[in-house]
Amino acid sequence: MMISNQEVNKGKSKFDDIYNVDDPVSYYESLCLQKEYELPELAKPYFTTIIDAYLKYQPVTPLKILDLGCSYGINAAILKFNKTINELYQHYTSSSRLELTKTLRRDLDYHWLHQSSFDKKLQLLGLDISKAAIDYSVESQLLDVGICADLENQPLSKEHYSKLRDLNLLISTGCVGYITEVTFDKILAAVGNPGQLWGGVFVLRVFDFSKFNGVLDKYHLVPIKTAVTIKQRKFSSVSEKKHMIELIEQQGLSAELEKVSDYLLAELFLIVPRDILETTAVETLLSDLKLT
């Protein structure tokens, strides 16, 4: 049974108020402390594996990565700047930081991020509908490029279109469900050579990623469901847990993991060009990437 995204999101807790302020402190206090939001950190080794494999397939510098639903650049902080969620929480919520003005906080954040070595071979782009989150991420230089756009309802601007050209890798740690294949279609149309694009997309088990198959096929890309399942965050209430488990089971899936773990769980889908699978079996690819 196919469940609509609207039906799923109706019973999911909403955190809109923490994404639309000009500083990440509420984001880290609410999600990382109270809801034990772990997905970006748990996703890091899998993204790193995919990045290394891509660079063997096509050595490019820098590797141009788009983080879909980037919010305040948490994936960039973890992947490029090698921060942990606990380090990010401690930094952003420290009393000494919160006493500063907005401008001084930006300066502090920039120096904190850049004071140690970071991965210069990665160029991080972020797309999000929150202008406040994008502005923060660009001003503190967590992101090399920020795109504020609602591609579900609006076309890509010429400026955004040019920023996405020659994209190498697309990642996401929870945006699918809020975005649909409509957004993917617009992004892939802008890439220029989507047959060279790879992706690593974590999708909550309650959402059906097969809805994206048609658009991916249009651009000669193939989604592969891996064996990787990791925690996103704790259920925020008994009612949210009940609703999510019911929807998972309505799709004929077992929700035992959600019942036992008390967490929303996300599955990793690998996206690769179709021509790779003409010479390499899916099982071999997943085994080589340790995603089985």
C-alpha atoms as a PDB file:
ATOM      1  CA  MET A   1       0.000   0.000   0.000  1.00  0.00           C
ATOM      2  CA  MET A   2       1.439   3.358  -1.065  1.00  0.00           C
ATOM      3  CA  ILE A   3       1.200   6.105   1.573  1.00  0.00           C
ATOM      4  CA  SER A   4       1.257   9.756   0.553  1.00  0.00           C
ATOM      5  CA  ASN A   5       3.949  12.046   1.942  1.00  0.00           C
ATOM      6  CA  GLN A   6       1.205  14.347   3.217  1.00  0.00           C
ATOM      7  CA  GLU A   7      -0.286  11.550   5.304  1.00  0.00           C
ATOM      8  CA  VAL A   8       3.107  10.684   6.783  1.00  0.00           C
ATOM      9  CA  ASN A   9       4.032  14.286   7.566  1.00  0.00           C
ATOM     10  CA  LYS A  10       0.650  14.921   9.162  1.00  0.00           C
ATOM     11  CA  GLY A  11       1.637  12.682  12.052  1.00  0.00           C
ATOM     12  CA  LYS A  12       5.323  13.632  12.208  1.00  0.00           C
ATOM     13  CA  SER A  13       6.486  16.218  14.690  1.00  0.00           C
ATOM     14  CA  LYS A  14       7.298  19.582  13.140  1.00  0.00           C
ATOM     15  CA  PHE A  15      10.342  21.658  14.014  1.00  0.00           C
ATOM     16  CA  ASP A  16       9.751  24.620  11.683  1.00  0.00           C
ATOM     17  CA  ASP A  17      10.452  27.167  14.402  1.00  0.00           C
ATOM     18  CA  ILE A  18      14.082  26.063  14.845  1.00  0.00           C
ATOM     19  CA  TYR A  19      14.956  26.282  11.137  1.00  0.00           C
ATOM     20  CA  ASN A  20      13.955  29.898  10.546  1.00  0.00           C
ATOM     21  CA  VAL A  21      16.145  31.849  12.971  1.00  0.00           C
ATOM     22  CA  ASP A  22      19.496  33.434  12.193  1.00  0.00           C
ATOM     23  CA  ASP A  23      21.524  31.308  14.619  1.00  0.00           C
ATOM     24  CA  PRO A  24      21.773  27.489  14.995  1.00  0.00           C
ATOM     25  CA  VAL A  25      21.506  27.429  18.795  1.00  0.00           C
ATOM     26  CA  SER A  26      17.828  26.370  18.901  1.00  0.00           C
ATOM     27  CA  TYR A  27      18.493  23.732  16.254  1.00  0.00           C
ATOM     28  CA  TYR A  28      21.209  22.089  18.326  1.00  0.00           C
ATOM     29  CA  GLU A  29      19.364  22.459  21.630  1.00  0.00           C
ATOM     30  CA  SER A  30      16.128  20.978  20.307  1.00  0.00           C
ATOM     31  CA  LEU A  31      17.216  18.252  17.918  1.00  0.00           C
ATOM     32  CA  CYS A  32      20.633  17.230  19.160  1.00  0.00           C
ATOM     33  CA  LEU A  33      20.037  17.444  22.895  1.00  0.00           C
ATOM     34  CA  GLN A  34      16.352  16.684  23.323  1.00  0.00           C
ATOM     35  CA  LYS A  35      15.710  14.391  20.328  1.00  0.00           C
ATOM     36  CA  GLU A  36      19.163  12.774  20.119  1.00  0.00           C
ATOM     37  CA  TYR A  37      19.436  13.574  16.403  1.00  0.00           C
ATOM     38  CA  GLU A  38      22.283  11.296  15.304  1.00  0.00           C
ATOM     39  CA  LEU A  39      21.799  10.645  11.610  1.00  0.00           C
ATOM     40  CA  PRO A  40      24.436  13.028  10.162  1.00  0.00           C
ATOM     41  CA  GLU A  41      27.160  11.607  12.397  1.00  0.00           C
ATOM     42  CA  LEU A  42      26.118   7.988  11.854  1.00  0.00           C
ATOM     43  CA  ALA A  43      25.934   8.657   8.102  1.00  0.00           C
ATOM     44  CA  LYS A  44      29.495  10.010   7.892  1.00  0.00           C
ATOM     45  CA  PRO A  45      31.369   6.710   7.375  1.00  0.00           C
ATOM     46  CA  TYR A  46      28.948   5.718   4.605  1.00  0.00           C
ATOM     47  CA  PHE A  47      29.255   9.065   2.854  1.00  0.00           C
ATOM     48  CA  THR A  48      33.042   8.848   3.189  1.00  0.00           C
ATOM     49  CA  THR A  49      33.022   5.409   1.585  1.00  0.00           C
ATOM     50  CA  ILE A  50      30.901   6.690  -1.307  1.00  0.00           C
ATOM     51  CA  ILE A  51      33.167   9.735  -1.734  1.00  0.00           C
ATOM     52  CA  ASP A  52      36.297   7.553  -1.861  1.00  0.00           C
ATOM     53  CA  ALA A  53      34.669   5.227  -4.400  1.00  0.00           C
ATOM     54  CA  TYR A  54      33.582   8.148  -6.566  1.00  0.00           C
ATOM     55  CA  LEU A  55      37.095   9.593  -6.605  1.00  0.00           C
ATOM     56  CA  LYS A  56      38.473   6.249  -7.799  1.00  0.00           C
ATOM     57  CA  TYR A  57      35.801   6.160 -10.503  1.00  0.00           C
ATOM     58  CA  GLN A  58      36.367   9.778 -11.537  1.00  0.00           C
ATOM     59  CA  PRO A  59      39.238  11.705  -9.888  1.00  0.00           C
ATOM     60  CA  VAL A  60      38.092  15.313  -9.600  1.00  0.00           C
ATOM     61  CA  THR A  61      39.179  18.190  -7.395  1.00  0.00           C
ATOM     62  CA  PRO A  62      37.283  19.590  -5.693  1.00  0.00           C
ATOM     63  CA  LEU A  63      34.471  17.077  -5.419  1.00  0.00           C
ATOM     64  CA  LYS A  64      31.251  19.062  -5.759  1.00  0.00           C
ATOM     65  CA  ILE A  65      28.657  17.795  -3.245  1.00  0.00           C
ATOM     66  CA  LEU A  66      25.072  19.018  -2.842  1.00  0.00           C
ATOM     67  CA  ASP A  67      23.457  18.517   0.581  1.00  0.00           C
ATOM     68  CA  LEU A  68      19.693  18.496   0.097  1.00  0.00           C
ATOM     69  CA  GLY A  69      17.874  19.987   3.074  1.00  0.00           C
ATOM     70  CA  CYS A  70      21.160  21.202   4.534  1.00  0.00           C
ATOM     71  CA  SER A  71      19.633  23.367   7.311  1.00  0.00           C
ATOM     72  CA  TYR A  72      22.548  24.977   9.208  1.00  0.00           C
ATOM     73  CA  GLY A  73      25.238  22.982   7.429  1.00  0.00           C
ATOM     74  CA  ILE A  74      25.499  20.086   9.867  1.00  0.00           C
ATOM     75  CA  ASN A  75      26.623  17.604   7.199  1.00  0.00           C
ATOM     76  CA  ALA A  76      29.288  20.050   6.011  1.00  0.00           C
ATOM     77  CA  ALA A  77      30.500  20.493   9.597  1.00  0.00           C
ATOM     78  CA  ILE A  78      30.759  16.743  10.076  1.00  0.00           C
ATOM     79  CA  LEU A  79      32.048  15.710   6.639  1.00  0.00           C
ATOM     80  CA  LYS A  80      34.333  18.588   5.669  1.00  0.00           C
ATOM     81  CA  PHE A  81      35.344  20.008   9.057  1.00  0.00           C
ATOM     82  CA  ASN A  82      35.429  16.690  10.935  1.00  0.00           C
ATOM     83  CA  LYS A  83      33.263  17.866  13.842  1.00  0.00           C
ATOM     84  CA  THR A  84      31.115  15.581  15.982  1.00  0.00           C
ATOM     85  CA  ILE A  85      27.540  16.378  16.933  1.00  0.00           C
ATOM     86  CA  ASN A  86      28.606  16.729  20.557  1.00  0.00           C
ATOM     87  CA  GLU A  87      31.336  19.218  19.596  1.00  0.00           C
ATOM     88  CA  LEU A  88      28.819  21.199  17.538  1.00  0.00           C
ATOM     89  CA  TYR A  89      26.308  21.215  20.381  1.00  0.00           C
ATOM     90  CA  GLN A  90      28.929  22.324  22.920  1.00  0.00           C
ATOM     91  CA  HIS A  91      30.176  25.106  20.656  1.00  0.00           C
ATOM     92  CA  TYR A  92      26.853  26.552  19.543  1.00  0.00           C
ATOM     93  CA  THR A  93      25.206  26.484  22.968  1.00  0.00           C
ATOM     94  CA  SER A  94      28.154  27.763  25.028  1.00  0.00           C
ATOM     95  CA  SER A  95      27.278  30.715  27.252  1.00  0.00           C
ATOM     96  CA  SER A  96      30.328  32.701  26.099  1.00  0.00           C
ATOM     97  CA  ARG A  97      29.165  32.420  22.477  1.00  0.00           C
ATOM     98  CA  LEU A  98      25.578  33.358  23.251  1.00  0.00           C
ATOM     99  CA  GLU A  99      26.720  36.589  24.919  1.00  0.00           C
ATOM    100  CA  LEU A 100      28.120  37.818  21.581  1.00  0.00           C
ATOM    101  CA  THR A 101      26.375  39.824  18.880  1.00  0.00           C
ATOM    102  CA  LYS A 102      25.309  38.108  15.656  1.00  0.00           C
ATOM    103  CA  THR A 103      28.345  39.427  13.777  1.00  0.00           C
ATOM    104  CA  LEU A 104      30.801  38.320  16.444  1.00  0.00           C
ATOM    105  CA  ARG A 105      29.171  34.885  16.614  1.00  0.00           C
ATOM    106  CA  ARG A 106      29.728  34.487  12.867  1.00  0.00           C
ATOM    107  CA  ASP A 107      33.383  35.432  13.275  1.00  0.00           C
ATOM    108  CA  LEU A 108      33.792  33.037  16.202  1.00  0.00           C
ATOM    109  CA  ASP A 109      32.117  30.197  14.296  1.00  0.00           C
ATOM    110  CA  TYR A 110      34.271  30.781  11.224  1.00  0.00           C
ATOM    111  CA  HIS A 111      37.528  30.708  13.211  1.00  0.00           C
ATOM    112  CA  TRP A 112      36.423  27.694  15.249  1.00  0.00           C
ATOM    113  CA  LEU A 113      35.664  25.743  12.084  1.00  0.00           C
ATOM    114  CA  HIS A 114      38.763  26.797  10.169  1.00  0.00           C
ATOM    115  CA  GLN A 115      41.361  26.776  12.937  1.00  0.00           C
ATOM    116  CA  SER A 116      42.217  23.132  12.300  1.00  0.00           C
ATOM    117  CA  SER A 117      42.702  21.242   9.053  1.00  0.00           C
ATOM    118  CA  PHE A 118      39.639  20.505   6.952  1.00  0.00           C
ATOM    119  CA  ASP A 119      39.046  18.512   3.791  1.00  0.00           C
ATOM    120  CA  LYS A 120      39.889  20.899   0.959  1.00  0.00           C
ATOM    121  CA  LYS A 121      39.012  18.333  -1.703  1.00  0.00           C
ATOM    122  CA  LEU A 122      35.310  18.716  -0.827  1.00  0.00           C
ATOM    123  CA  GLN A 123      33.212  21.613  -2.100  1.00  0.00           C
ATOM    124  CA  LEU A 124      29.935  21.696  -0.171  1.00  0.00           C
ATOM    125  CA  LEU A 125      26.786  23.155  -1.669  1.00  0.00           C
ATOM    126  CA  GLY A 126      23.594  23.292   0.363  1.00  0.00           C
ATOM    127  CA  LEU A 127      19.968  23.614  -0.648  1.00  0.00           C
ATOM    128  CA  ASP A 128      17.233  24.492   1.821  1.00  0.00           C
ATOM    129  CA  ILE A 129      13.990  26.477   1.921  1.00  0.00           C
ATOM    130  CA  SER A 130      15.134  28.368   5.044  1.00  0.00           C
ATOM    131  CA  LYS A 131      16.848  31.611   4.066  1.00  0.00           C
ATOM    132  CA  ALA A 132      18.044  32.103   7.641  1.00  0.00           C
ATOM    133  CA  ALA A 133      19.771  28.705   7.694  1.00  0.00           C
ATOM    134  CA  ILE A 134      21.345  29.203   4.260  1.00  0.00           C
ATOM    135  CA  ASP A 135      22.541  32.719   5.113  1.00  0.00           C
ATOM    136  CA  TYR A 136      24.136  31.484   8.347  1.00  0.00           C
ATOM    137  CA  SER A 137      25.868  28.543   6.625  1.00  0.00           C
ATOM    138  CA  VAL A 138      27.326  30.715   3.861  1.00  0.00           C
ATOM    139  CA  GLU A 139      28.368  33.597   6.135  1.00  0.00           C
ATOM    140  CA  SER A 140      30.231  31.256   8.476  1.00  0.00           C
ATOM    141  CA  GLN A 141      31.656  29.451   5.408  1.00  0.00           C
ATOM    142  CA  LEU A 142      30.358  26.051   6.408  1.00  0.00           C
ATOM    143  CA  LEU A 143      28.980  25.937   2.876  1.00  0.00           C
ATOM    144  CA  ASP A 144      30.924  27.032  -0.179  1.00  0.00           C
ATOM    145  CA  VAL A 145      27.641  27.720  -1.972  1.00  0.00           C
ATOM    146  CA  GLY A 146      24.125  28.108  -0.594  1.00  0.00           C
ATOM    147  CA  ILE A 147      20.866  27.830  -2.516  1.00  0.00           C
ATOM    148  CA  CYS A 148      17.647  28.967  -0.866  1.00  0.00           C
ATOM    149  CA  ALA A 149      14.774  27.602  -2.936  1.00  0.00           C
ATOM    150  CA  ASP A 150      11.498  25.716  -2.670  1.00  0.00           C
ATOM    151  CA  LEU A 151      11.829  23.546  -5.755  1.00  0.00           C
ATOM    152  CA  GLU A 152       8.592  21.715  -5.028  1.00  0.00           C
ATOM    153  CA  ASN A 153       6.735  24.893  -5.939  1.00  0.00           C
ATOM    154  CA  GLN A 154       9.193  27.135  -7.776  1.00  0.00           C
ATOM    155  CA  PRO A 155      11.546  26.815 -10.754  1.00  0.00           C
ATOM    156  CA  LEU A 156      15.295  27.036 -10.389  1.00  0.00           C
ATOM    157  CA  SER A 157      16.591  30.543 -11.009  1.00  0.00           C
ATOM    158  CA  LYS A 158      19.347  31.082 -13.605  1.00  0.00           C
ATOM    159  CA  GLU A 159      21.771  31.769 -10.758  1.00  0.00           C
ATOM    160  CA  HIS A 160      20.915  28.537  -8.973  1.00  0.00           C
ATOM    161  CA  TYR A 161      20.983  26.638 -12.246  1.00  0.00           C
ATOM    162  CA  SER A 162      24.596  27.621 -12.868  1.00  0.00           C
ATOM    163  CA  LYS A 163      25.632  26.690  -9.319  1.00  0.00           C
ATOM    164  CA  LEU A 164      24.459  23.099  -9.789  1.00  0.00           C
ATOM    165  CA  ARG A 165      26.282  22.508 -13.066  1.00  0.00           C
ATOM    166  CA  ASP A 166      28.898  19.736 -12.931  1.00  0.00           C
ATOM    167  CA  LEU A 167      27.640  18.412  -9.611  1.00  0.00           C
ATOM    168  CA  ASN A 168      29.392  15.164  -8.627  1.00  0.00           C
ATOM    169  CA  LEU A 169      27.547  13.870  -5.572  1.00  0.00           C
ATOM    170  CA  LEU A 170      24.148  14.396  -4.003  1.00  0.00           C
ATOM    171  CA  ILE A 171      23.579  13.599  -0.314  1.00  0.00           C
ATOM    172  CA  SER A 172      20.656  13.870   2.071  1.00  0.00           C
ATOM    173  CA  THR A 173      20.030  12.882   5.679  1.00  0.00           C
ATOM    174  CA  GLY A 174      16.286  13.309   5.941  1.00  0.00           C
ATOM    175  CA  CYS A 175      14.980  15.664   3.271  1.00  0.00           C
ATOM    176  CA  VAL A 176      13.126  13.001   1.275  1.00  0.00           C
ATOM    177  CA  GLY A 177       9.509  13.115   2.296  1.00  0.00           C
ATOM    178  CA  TYR A 178       9.498  16.879   2.485  1.00  0.00           C
ATOM    179  CA  ILE A 179      10.750  16.956  -1.073  1.00  0.00           C
ATOM    180  CA  THR A 180       9.597  14.690  -3.883  1.00  0.00           C
ATOM    181  CA  GLU A 181      10.789  13.644  -7.305  1.00  0.00           C
ATOM    182  CA  VAL A 182       9.752  17.125  -8.481  1.00  0.00           C
ATOM    183  CA  THR A 183      12.771  18.642  -6.731  1.00  0.00           C
ATOM    184  CA  PHE A 184      15.081  15.873  -7.961  1.00  0.00           C
ATOM    185  CA  ASP A 185      13.958  16.472 -11.547  1.00  0.00           C
ATOM    186  CA  LYS A 186      14.833  20.178 -11.398  1.00  0.00           C
ATOM    187  CA  ILE A 187      18.214  19.530  -9.816  1.00  0.00           C
ATOM    188  CA  LEU A 188      19.172  16.790 -12.268  1.00  0.00           C
ATOM    189  CA  ALA A 189      18.121  18.935 -15.224  1.00  0.00           C
ATOM    190  CA  ALA A 190      20.588  21.593 -14.051  1.00  0.00           C
ATOM    191  CA  VAL A 191      23.561  19.272 -13.500  1.00  0.00           C
ATOM    192  CA  GLY A 192      24.521  19.188 -17.159  1.00  0.00           C
ATOM    193  CA  ASN A 193      25.953  15.670 -17.106  1.00  0.00           C
ATOM    194  CA  PRO A 194      23.802  13.708 -14.646  1.00  0.00           C
ATOM    195  CA  GLY A 195      25.222  10.455 -16.002  1.00  0.00           C
ATOM    196  CA  GLN A 196      28.342  11.239 -13.928  1.00  0.00           C
ATOM    197  CA  LEU A 197      26.379  11.906 -10.731  1.00  0.00           C
ATOM    198  CA  TRP A 198      26.359   9.647  -7.673  1.00  0.00           C
ATOM    199  CA  GLY A 199      24.153   9.927  -4.619  1.00  0.00           C
ATOM    200  CA  GLY A 200      23.850   8.753  -1.044  1.00  0.00           C
ATOM    201  CA  VAL A 201      20.360   9.404   0.286  1.00  0.00           C
ATOM    202  CA  PHE A 202      19.037   8.401   3.701  1.00  0.00           C
ATOM    203  CA  VAL A 203      15.266   7.904   3.635  1.00  0.00           C
ATOM    204  CA  LEU A 204      13.022   7.300   6.637  1.00  0.00           C
ATOM    205  CA  ARG A 205      11.537   3.813   6.358  1.00  0.00           C
ATOM    206  CA  VAL A 206       8.041   5.253   6.371  1.00  0.00           C
ATOM    207  CA  PHE A 207       8.640   6.940   2.970  1.00  0.00           C
ATOM    208  CA  ASP A 208       8.565   5.067  -0.346  1.00  0.00           C
ATOM    209  CA  PHE A 209      11.681   5.969  -2.345  1.00  0.00           C
ATOM    210  CA  SER A 210      10.481   3.985  -5.365  1.00  0.00           C
ATOM    211  CA  LYS A 211       8.465   7.094  -6.308  1.00  0.00           C
ATOM    212  CA  PHE A 212      11.795   8.589  -7.442  1.00  0.00           C
ATOM    213  CA  ASN A 213      12.622   5.747  -9.835  1.00  0.00           C
ATOM    214  CA  GLY A 214      11.040   7.319 -12.914  1.00  0.00           C
ATOM    215  CA  VAL A 215      12.902  10.613 -12.577  1.00  0.00           C
ATOM    216  CA  LEU A 216      16.218   8.902 -11.852  1.00  0.00           C
ATOM    217  CA  ASP A 217      15.753   6.625 -14.860  1.00  0.00           C
ATOM    218  CA  LYS A 218      15.106   9.692 -17.045  1.00  0.00           C
ATOM    219  CA  TYR A 219      18.667  10.820 -16.264  1.00  0.00           C
ATOM    220  CA  HIS A 220      20.207   7.333 -16.619  1.00  0.00           C
ATOM    221  CA  LEU A 221      20.623   6.921 -12.865  1.00  0.00           C
ATOM    222  CA  VAL A 222      19.816   3.843 -10.790  1.00  0.00           C
ATOM    223  CA  PRO A 223      18.797   3.826  -7.103  1.00  0.00           C
ATOM    224  CA  ILE A 224      20.052   0.841  -5.100  1.00  0.00           C
ATOM    225  CA  LYS A 225      18.668   0.023  -1.675  1.00  0.00           C
ATOM    226  CA  THR A 226      21.551  -0.919   0.602  1.00  0.00           C
ATOM    227  CA  ALA A 227      21.495  -2.972   3.800  1.00  0.00           C
ATOM    228  CA  VAL A 228      22.322   0.117   5.868  1.00  0.00           C
ATOM    229  CA  THR A 229      19.663   1.211   8.380  1.00  0.00           C
ATOM    230  CA  ILE A 230      20.531   3.783  11.055  1.00  0.00           C
ATOM    231  CA  LYS A 231      18.827   5.978  13.640  1.00  0.00           C
ATOM    232  CA  GLN A 232      17.587   9.431  12.701  1.00  0.00           C
ATOM    233  CA  ARG A 233      16.188  10.737  16.004  1.00  0.00           C
ATOM    234  CA  LYS A 234      14.045   9.656  18.931  1.00  0.00           C
ATOM    235  CA  PHE A 235      10.294   9.740  18.537  1.00  0.00           C
ATOM    236  CA  SER A 236       9.155  13.022  20.018  1.00  0.00           C
ATOM    237  CA  SER A 237       5.935  11.619  21.495  1.00  0.00           C
ATOM    238  CA  VAL A 238       3.938   8.441  21.997  1.00  0.00           C
ATOM    239  CA  SER A 239       1.459   9.580  19.355  1.00  0.00           C
ATOM    240  CA  GLU A 240       4.200  10.195  16.763  1.00  0.00           C
ATOM    241  CA  LYS A 241       5.631   6.723  17.417  1.00  0.00           C
ATOM    242  CA  LYS A 242       2.211   5.109  17.104  1.00  0.00           C
ATOM    243  CA  HIS A 243       1.458   6.949  13.855  1.00  0.00           C
ATOM    244  CA  MET A 244       4.803   6.095  12.232  1.00  0.00           C
ATOM    245  CA  ILE A 245       4.608   2.419  13.201  1.00  0.00           C
ATOM    246  CA  GLU A 246       1.074   2.160  11.815  1.00  0.00           C
ATOM    247  CA  LEU A 247       2.135   3.675   8.482  1.00  0.00           C
ATOM    248  CA  ILE A 248       5.170   1.393   8.198  1.00  0.00           C
ATOM    249  CA  GLU A 249       3.020  -1.668   8.845  1.00  0.00           C
ATOM    250  CA  GLN A 250       0.362  -0.478   6.375  1.00  0.00           C
ATOM    251  CA  GLN A 251       3.027  -0.783   3.698  1.00  0.00           C
ATOM    252  CA  GLY A 252       3.542  -4.441   4.587  1.00  0.00           C
ATOM    253  CA  LEU A 253       6.832  -3.781   6.380  1.00  0.00           C
ATOM    254  CA  SER A 254       7.911  -4.859   9.836  1.00  0.00           C
ATOM    255  CA  ALA A 255       8.178  -2.042  12.386  1.00  0.00           C
ATOM    256  CA  GLU A 256       9.839  -4.156  15.067  1.00  0.00           C
ATOM    257  CA  LEU A 257      13.026  -2.091  14.916  1.00  0.00           C
ATOM    258  CA  GLU A 258      11.102   1.121  15.542  1.00  0.00           C
ATOM    259  CA  LYS A 259       9.159  -0.470  18.397  1.00  0.00           C
ATOM    260  CA  VAL A 260      12.299  -1.749  20.105  1.00  0.00           C
ATOM    261  CA  SER A 261      14.667   1.158  19.443  1.00  0.00           C
ATOM    262  CA  ASP A 262      12.213   4.013  20.055  1.00  0.00           C
ATOM    263  CA  TYR A 263      13.841   5.805  17.098  1.00  0.00           C
ATOM    264  CA  LEU A 264      12.835   6.843  13.625  1.00  0.00           C
ATOM    265  CA  LEU A 265      15.044   4.777  11.323  1.00  0.00           C
ATOM    266  CA  ALA A 266      16.447   5.689   7.921  1.00  0.00           C
ATOM    267  CA  GLU A 267      17.678   3.458   5.088  1.00  0.00           C
ATOM    268  CA  LEU A 268      20.533   4.335   2.750  1.00  0.00           C
ATOM    269  CA  PHE A 269      19.935   4.377  -0.993  1.00  0.00           C
ATOM    270  CA  LEU A 270      22.969   4.531  -3.263  1.00  0.00           C
ATOM    271  CA  ILE A 271      22.460   6.262  -6.618  1.00  0.00           C
ATOM    272  CA  VAL A 272      24.860   5.493  -9.460  1.00  0.00           C
ATOM    273  CA  PRO A 273      24.991   6.005 -13.244  1.00  0.00           C
ATOM    274  CA  ARG A 274      23.366   3.182 -15.161  1.00  0.00           C
ATOM    275  CA  ASP A 275      26.530   2.476 -17.167  1.00  0.00           C
ATOM    276  CA  ILE A 276      28.382   1.379 -14.006  1.00  0.00           C
ATOM    277  CA  LEU A 277      25.956  -1.510 -13.630  1.00  0.00           C
ATOM    278  CA  GLU A 278      26.653  -2.606 -17.202  1.00  0.00           C
ATOM    279  CA  THR A 279      30.112  -3.723 -16.066  1.00  0.00           C
ATOM    280  CA  THR A 280      29.685  -4.252 -12.327  1.00  0.00           C
ATOM    281  CA  ALA A 281      27.000  -6.343 -10.619  1.00  0.00           C
ATOM    282  CA  VAL A 282      24.956  -4.612  -7.912  1.00  0.00           C
ATOM    283  CA  GLU A 283      26.096  -7.170  -5.342  1.00  0.00           C
ATOM    284  CA  THR A 284      29.760  -6.575  -6.212  1.00  0.00           C
ATOM    285  CA  LEU A 285      29.344  -2.784  -6.037  1.00  0.00           C
ATOM    286  CA  LEU A 286      27.654  -2.910  -2.650  1.00  0.00           C
ATOM    287  CA  SER A 287      30.223  -5.376  -1.352  1.00  0.00           C
ATOM    288  CA  ASP A 288      33.111  -3.197  -2.530  1.00  0.00           C
ATOM    289  CA  LEU A 289      31.501  -0.206  -0.799  1.00  0.00           C
ATOM    290  CA  LYS A 290      30.783  -2.286   2.335  1.00  0.00           C
ATOM    291  CA  LEU A 291      27.101  -1.393   2.072  1.00  0.00           C
ATOM    292  CA  THR A 292      25.785  -4.944   2.318  1.00  0.00           C
END
